[in-house]
C-alpha cells in the first residue's frame, strides 16, 4: 500500500519543501538586507532543511525497497 502512494507523497513533500524554501529565501533576504547578524545562520538552517527533505526521501525509498 505504501508503494502506491509513495511517488505522490514524494511529489507533495517536494512541493511543500519548495514553498517553504521560497519563504525561507525571502526571510534570509530580509535579514541580509537589514544587515542583521543572524542572516548566515538563517541561510544555513533553511538550506539544511531543504537538503534534509531530499535525504529523507532517498532513505525512505531505500528502506521500503522502492
Protein backbone atom coordinates (compact mmCIF):
# COMPACT_ATOMS: atom_id res chain seq x y z
CA UNK A 1 0.00 0.00 0.00
CA UNK A 2 2.91 2.36 0.74
CA UNK A 3 4.35 1.75 -2.72
CA UNK A 4 1.21 3.01 -4.39
CA UNK A 5 1.26 6.35 -2.61
CA UNK A 6 4.99 6.88 -2.32
CA UNK A 7 5.53 8.76 -5.59
CA UNK A 8 2.57 11.05 -4.88
CA UNK A 9 3.74 11.65 -1.32
CA UNK A 10 7.26 12.39 -2.56
CA UNK A 11 5.98 14.95 -5.05
CA UNK A 12 3.82 16.53 -2.34
CA UNK A 13 6.79 16.66 0.03
CA UNK A 14 8.91 18.35 -2.66
CA UNK A 15 6.15 20.88 -3.38
CA UNK A 16 5.80 21.78 0.30
CA UNK A 17 9.58 21.97 0.56
CA UNK A 18 9.75 24.32 -2.42
CA UNK A 19 7.16 26.63 -0.90
CA UNK A 20 8.97 26.65 2.44
CA UNK A 21 12.28 27.24 0.66
CA UNK A 22 10.83 30.32 -1.05
CA UNK A 23 9.54 31.62 2.27
CA UNK A 24 12.94 30.98 3.82
CA UNK A 25 14.71 32.73 0.97
CA UNK A 26 12.57 35.82 1.48
CA UNK A 27 13.26 35.74 5.21
CA UNK A 28 17.01 35.41 4.70
CA UNK A 29 16.94 38.21 2.11
CA UNK A 30 15.17 40.49 4.59
CA UNK A 31 17.70 39.67 7.31
CA UNK A 32 20.57 40.18 4.89
CA UNK A 33 19.17 43.48 3.65
CA UNK A 34 18.83 44.82 7.19
CA UNK A 35 22.46 43.83 7.93
CA UNK A 36 21.33 41.55 10.71
CA UNK A 37 24.00 39.25 12.12
CA UNK A 38 21.76 36.19 12.02
CA UNK A 39 21.42 36.10 8.22
CA UNK A 40 24.17 33.49 7.77
CA UNK A 41 22.73 31.20 10.41
CA UNK A 42 19.23 31.51 8.98
CA UNK A 43 20.50 30.74 5.47
CA UNK A 44 22.37 27.68 6.72
CA UNK A 45 19.27 26.47 8.56
CA UNK A 46 16.97 26.81 5.57
CA UNK A 47 19.50 25.22 3.22
CA UNK A 48 20.00 22.34 5.65
CA UNK A 49 16.26 21.72 5.88
CA UNK A 50 15.98 21.53 2.08
CA UNK A 51 18.83 19.01 1.96
CA UNK A 52 17.11 17.05 4.75
CA UNK A 53 13.95 16.69 2.65
CA UNK A 54 15.90 15.15 -0.23
CA UNK A 55 17.86 12.83 2.07
CA UNK A 56 14.73 11.64 3.88
CA UNK A 57 13.05 10.82 0.59
CA UNK A 58 16.07 8.78 -0.52
CA UNK A 59 16.33 6.93 2.80
CA UNK A 60 12.63 6.06 2.85
CA UNK A 61 12.81 4.88 -0.76
CA UNK A 62 15.70 2.55 0.03
CA UNK A 63 14.11 1.41 3.33
CA UNK A 64 10.91 0.25 1.63
CA UNK A 65 12.78 -1.10 -1.40
CA UNK A 66 11.11 1.21 -3.89
